[in-house]
Amino acid sequence: MISAMKNKRQRAFSILSIPLLYAAVLSLAACSRGPELPSNRTVNAPTTTADAPRAREVKKAGEIDITELPAEACDTLDRIKRGGPFPYAKDGSVFGNREGMLPGEPHGYYHEYTVKTPEERDRGARRIIVGRNGEYYYTDNHYRSFRRIRE
């Protein structure tokens, strides 16, 4: 009788654990991917008519040519494109866009990277934000404003 109950509990556990295990694997795979950074996509032009409203929204944020970025931002951009290494533990973490300054996208779409600020002892206020479709934004005032980087 005890053996039969034990077998029944084991079967119930294994039946319930399969969907939970599957969900955990999917979550880990999604978290470990990081930003997808296509290297050959033009990021200034909308690719479909559905992207057109988003492109207008980005224009409001302003733009900055890559040649106008500080040298440290260019270094960070190069590191992002190479996939690292990154000097700060939070580099590559999800940027939540809580301020709503960038086009609205699902959570996990944007990732942030620190741009070293000379003579700052901590991470400073400068960041590059990367969108999943390869768009780059620069802020030098800790998310109060952004400019899309033109390459």
C-alpha atoms as a PDB file:
ATOM      1  CA  MET A   1       0.000   0.000   0.000  1.00  0.00           C
ATOM      2  CA  ILE A   2       2.762   2.473   0.932  1.00  0.00           C
ATOM      3  CA  SER A   3       4.699   1.522  -2.193  1.00  0.00           C
ATOM      4  CA  ALA A   4       1.618   2.120  -4.373  1.00  0.00           C
ATOM      5  CA  MET A   5       1.084   5.584  -2.824  1.00  0.00           C
ATOM      6  CA  LYS A   6       4.766   6.418  -3.343  1.00  0.00           C
ATOM      7  CA  ASN A   7       4.571   5.426  -7.030  1.00  0.00           C
ATOM      8  CA  LYS A   8       1.402   7.485  -7.481  1.00  0.00           C
ATOM      9  CA  ARG A   9       3.096  10.567  -5.932  1.00  0.00           C
ATOM     10  CA  GLN A  10       6.169  10.111  -8.122  1.00  0.00           C
ATOM     11  CA  ARG A  11       4.030   9.922 -11.286  1.00  0.00           C
ATOM     12  CA  ALA A  12       2.058  13.027 -10.274  1.00  0.00           C
ATOM     13  CA  PHE A  13       5.298  14.898  -9.583  1.00  0.00           C
ATOM     14  CA  SER A  14       6.825  13.921 -12.917  1.00  0.00           C
ATOM     15  CA  ILE A  15       3.668  14.888 -14.844  1.00  0.00           C
ATOM     16  CA  LEU A  16       3.565  18.289 -13.124  1.00  0.00           C
ATOM     17  CA  SER A  17       7.299  18.915 -13.414  1.00  0.00           C
ATOM     18  CA  ILE A  18       7.491  18.602 -17.216  1.00  0.00           C
ATOM     19  CA  PRO A  19       5.649  21.880 -17.995  1.00  0.00           C
ATOM     20  CA  LEU A  20       7.490  23.677 -15.193  1.00  0.00           C
ATOM     21  CA  LEU A  21      10.848  22.461 -16.469  1.00  0.00           C
ATOM     22  CA  TYR A  22       9.939  23.493 -20.026  1.00  0.00           C
ATOM     23  CA  ALA A  23       8.929  26.998 -18.853  1.00  0.00           C
ATOM     24  CA  ALA A  24      12.169  27.369 -16.889  1.00  0.00           C
ATOM     25  CA  VAL A  25      14.280  26.383 -19.897  1.00  0.00           C
ATOM     26  CA  LEU A  26      12.447  28.872 -22.123  1.00  0.00           C
ATOM     27  CA  SER A  27      12.892  31.652 -19.565  1.00  0.00           C
ATOM     28  CA  LEU A  28      16.601  30.990 -19.223  1.00  0.00           C
ATOM     29  CA  ALA A  29      17.066  30.901 -22.990  1.00  0.00           C
ATOM     30  CA  ALA A  30      15.278  34.241 -23.379  1.00  0.00           C
ATOM     31  CA  CYS A  31      17.307  35.851 -20.593  1.00  0.00           C
ATOM     32  CA  SER A  32      20.674  34.653 -21.802  1.00  0.00           C
ATOM     33  CA  ARG A  33      20.307  35.862 -25.367  1.00  0.00           C
ATOM     34  CA  GLY A  34      21.098  39.530 -24.784  1.00  0.00           C
ATOM     35  CA  PRO A  35      20.560  42.089 -27.510  1.00  0.00           C
ATOM     36  CA  GLU A  36      20.638  40.934 -31.074  1.00  0.00           C
ATOM     37  CA  LEU A  37      22.914  43.311 -32.916  1.00  0.00           C
ATOM     38  CA  PRO A  38      22.753  42.976 -36.680  1.00  0.00           C
ATOM     39  CA  SER A  39      25.911  44.412 -38.214  1.00  0.00           C
ATOM     40  CA  ASN A  40      24.700  45.255 -41.699  1.00  0.00           C
ATOM     41  CA  ARG A  41      21.291  46.854 -41.141  1.00  0.00           C
ATOM     42  CA  THR A  42      20.678  50.518 -41.810  1.00  0.00           C
ATOM     43  CA  VAL A  43      19.057  51.737 -38.620  1.00  0.00           C
ATOM     44  CA  ASN A  44      17.868  55.185 -39.715  1.00  0.00           C
ATOM     45  CA  ALA A  45      15.317  54.110 -42.325  1.00  0.00           C
ATOM     46  CA  PRO A  46      12.069  52.315 -41.519  1.00  0.00           C
ATOM     47  CA  THR A  47      11.959  48.849 -43.076  1.00  0.00           C
ATOM     48  CA  THR A  48       8.184  48.600 -43.366  1.00  0.00           C
ATOM     49  CA  THR A  49       5.242  50.951 -43.322  1.00  0.00           C
ATOM     50  CA  ALA A  50       4.456  49.619 -39.844  1.00  0.00           C
ATOM     51  CA  ASP A  51       7.827  51.026 -38.674  1.00  0.00           C
ATOM     52  CA  ALA A  52       7.132  54.495 -40.096  1.00  0.00           C
ATOM     53  CA  PRO A  53       5.304  55.894 -37.019  1.00  0.00           C
ATOM     54  CA  ARG A  54       8.129  54.639 -34.817  1.00  0.00           C
ATOM     55  CA  ALA A  55      10.672  56.377 -37.022  1.00  0.00           C
ATOM     56  CA  ARG A  56       8.829  59.696 -36.594  1.00  0.00           C
ATOM     57  CA  GLU A  57       8.753  59.154 -32.826  1.00  0.00           C
ATOM     58  CA  VAL A  58      12.521  58.614 -32.796  1.00  0.00           C
ATOM     59  CA  LYS A  59      13.071  61.864 -34.713  1.00  0.00           C
ATOM     60  CA  LYS A  60      11.606  63.727 -31.716  1.00  0.00           C
ATOM     61  CA  ALA A  61      14.432  62.358 -29.574  1.00  0.00           C
ATOM     62  CA  GLY A  62      17.013  64.002 -31.840  1.00  0.00           C
ATOM     63  CA  GLU A  63      20.032  62.475 -33.475  1.00  0.00           C
ATOM     64  CA  ILE A  64      23.779  62.600 -33.068  1.00  0.00           C
ATOM     65  CA  ASP A  65      26.318  61.630 -35.692  1.00  0.00           C
ATOM     66  CA  ILE A  66      28.797  58.991 -34.592  1.00  0.00           C
ATOM     67  CA  THR A  67      31.608  61.480 -35.287  1.00  0.00           C
ATOM     68  CA  GLU A  68      30.134  63.829 -32.656  1.00  0.00           C
ATOM     69  CA  LEU A  69      30.224  61.237 -29.863  1.00  0.00           C
ATOM     70  CA  PRO A  70      32.902  61.484 -27.191  1.00  0.00           C
ATOM     71  CA  ALA A  71      35.769  59.019 -27.653  1.00  0.00           C
ATOM     72  CA  GLU A  72      34.559  56.944 -24.685  1.00  0.00           C
ATOM     73  CA  ALA A  73      31.152  56.471 -26.344  1.00  0.00           C
ATOM     74  CA  CYS A  74      32.851  55.263 -29.535  1.00  0.00           C
ATOM     75  CA  ASP A  75      34.852  52.793 -27.435  1.00  0.00           C
ATOM     76  CA  THR A  76      31.648  51.527 -25.804  1.00  0.00           C
ATOM     77  CA  LEU A  77      29.927  51.231 -29.188  1.00  0.00           C
ATOM     78  CA  ASP A  78      32.864  49.179 -30.492  1.00  0.00           C
ATOM     79  CA  ARG A  79      32.681  46.892 -27.442  1.00  0.00           C
ATOM     80  CA  ILE A  80      28.934  46.407 -27.987  1.00  0.00           C
ATOM     81  CA  LYS A  81      29.442  45.449 -31.617  1.00  0.00           C
ATOM     82  CA  ARG A  82      32.245  43.023 -30.683  1.00  0.00           C
ATOM     83  CA  GLY A  83      30.182  41.481 -27.886  1.00  0.00           C
ATOM     84  CA  GLY A  84      32.465  42.692 -25.079  1.00  0.00           C
ATOM     85  CA  PRO A  85      34.305  42.564 -22.827  1.00  0.00           C
ATOM     86  CA  PHE A  86      32.468  45.117 -20.721  1.00  0.00           C
ATOM     87  CA  PRO A  87      34.030  46.845 -17.727  1.00  0.00           C
ATOM     88  CA  TYR A  88      30.844  47.316 -15.688  1.00  0.00           C
ATOM     89  CA  ALA A  89      28.726  44.528 -14.181  1.00  0.00           C
ATOM     90  CA  LYS A  90      25.467  46.147 -15.304  1.00  0.00           C
ATOM     91  CA  ASP A  91      26.531  46.470 -18.943  1.00  0.00           C
ATOM     92  CA  GLY A  92      24.088  44.551 -21.140  1.00  0.00           C
ATOM     93  CA  SER A  93      21.299  44.633 -18.582  1.00  0.00           C
ATOM     94  CA  VAL A  94      17.737  45.307 -19.686  1.00  0.00           C
ATOM     95  CA  PHE A  95      16.838  48.978 -19.966  1.00  0.00           C
ATOM     96  CA  GLY A  96      13.196  49.345 -18.935  1.00  0.00           C
ATOM     97  CA  ASN A  97      12.482  52.699 -20.650  1.00  0.00           C
ATOM     98  CA  ARG A  98      10.461  53.690 -17.569  1.00  0.00           C
ATOM     99  CA  GLU A  99      10.871  57.334 -18.504  1.00  0.00           C
ATOM    100  CA  GLY A 100       9.132  56.624 -21.818  1.00  0.00           C
ATOM    101  CA  MET A 101      11.731  58.647 -23.721  1.00  0.00           C
ATOM    102  CA  LEU A 102      12.363  55.936 -26.341  1.00  0.00           C
ATOM    103  CA  PRO A 103       9.774  54.349 -28.630  1.00  0.00           C
ATOM    104  CA  GLY A 104       7.503  51.987 -26.708  1.00  0.00           C
ATOM    105  CA  GLU A 105       8.654  48.389 -27.043  1.00  0.00           C
ATOM    106  CA  PRO A 106       8.157  45.219 -24.988  1.00  0.00           C
ATOM    107  CA  HIS A 107      10.238  44.730 -21.849  1.00  0.00           C
ATOM    108  CA  GLY A 108      13.628  43.308 -22.780  1.00  0.00           C
ATOM    109  CA  TYR A 109      13.814  45.115 -26.131  1.00  0.00           C
ATOM    110  CA  TYR A 110      16.414  47.643 -24.938  1.00  0.00           C
ATOM    111  CA  HIS A 111      19.760  46.967 -23.220  1.00  0.00           C
ATOM    112  CA  GLU A 112      22.073  49.526 -21.656  1.00  0.00           C
ATOM    113  CA  TYR A 113      25.827  49.983 -21.597  1.00  0.00           C
ATOM    114  CA  THR A 114      27.912  52.410 -19.564  1.00  0.00           C
ATOM    115  CA  VAL A 115      30.007  55.046 -21.304  1.00  0.00           C
ATOM    116  CA  LYS A 116      33.000  55.826 -19.121  1.00  0.00           C
ATOM    117  CA  THR A 117      33.033  59.401 -17.868  1.00  0.00           C
ATOM    118  CA  PRO A 118      36.529  60.773 -17.224  1.00  0.00           C
ATOM    119  CA  GLU A 119      37.186  61.619 -13.586  1.00  0.00           C
ATOM    120  CA  GLU A 120      33.978  59.898 -12.367  1.00  0.00           C
ATOM    121  CA  ARG A 121      34.496  57.347  -9.628  1.00  0.00           C
ATOM    122  CA  ASP A 122      31.267  55.473 -10.388  1.00  0.00           C
ATOM    123  CA  ARG A 123      29.406  54.694 -13.625  1.00  0.00           C
ATOM    124  CA  GLY A 124      28.591  58.334 -14.286  1.00  0.00           C
ATOM    125  CA  ALA A 125      25.587  59.549 -16.294  1.00  0.00           C
ATOM    126  CA  ARG A 126      26.488  58.499 -19.839  1.00  0.00           C
ATOM    127  CA  ARG A 127      24.945  55.433 -21.486  1.00  0.00           C
ATOM    128  CA  ILE A 128      24.349  53.823 -24.847  1.00  0.00           C
ATOM    129  CA  ILE A 129      21.014  52.062 -25.192  1.00  0.00           C
ATOM    130  CA  VAL A 130      20.719  49.334 -27.814  1.00  0.00           C
ATOM    131  CA  GLY A 131      17.437  48.213 -29.350  1.00  0.00           C
ATOM    132  CA  ARG A 132      16.901  44.651 -30.477  1.00  0.00           C
ATOM    133  CA  ASN A 133      16.723  45.781 -34.129  1.00  0.00           C
ATOM    134  CA  GLY A 134      20.177  47.376 -33.971  1.00  0.00           C
ATOM    135  CA  GLU A 135      19.289  50.972 -33.160  1.00  0.00           C
ATOM    136  CA  TYR A 136      21.594  52.868 -30.783  1.00  0.00           C
ATOM    137  CA  TYR A 137      20.756  55.802 -28.508  1.00  0.00           C
ATOM    138  CA  TYR A 138      23.107  57.988 -26.477  1.00  0.00           C
ATOM    139  CA  THR A 139      22.391  59.861 -23.256  1.00  0.00           C
ATOM    140  CA  ASP A 140      24.873  61.978 -21.357  1.00  0.00           C
ATOM    141  CA  ASN A 141      22.435  63.020 -18.620  1.00  0.00           C
ATOM    142  CA  HIS A 142      21.287  59.733 -17.082  1.00  0.00           C
ATOM    143  CA  TYR A 143      18.146  59.139 -19.178  1.00  0.00           C
ATOM    144  CA  ARG A 144      16.734  62.692 -19.138  1.00  0.00           C
ATOM    145  CA  SER A 145      17.179  62.868 -22.923  1.00  0.00           C
ATOM    146  CA  PHE A 146      18.358  60.602 -25.720  1.00  0.00           C
ATOM    147  CA  ARG A 147      19.745  61.060 -29.189  1.00  0.00           C
ATOM    148  CA  ARG A 148      19.713  58.334 -31.784  1.00  0.00           C
ATOM    149  CA  ILE A 149      23.206  57.578 -33.047  1.00  0.00           C
ATOM    150  CA  ARG A 150      23.646  58.036 -36.803  1.00  0.00           C
ATOM    151  CA  GLU A 151      26.422  55.839 -38.197  1.00  0.00           C
END
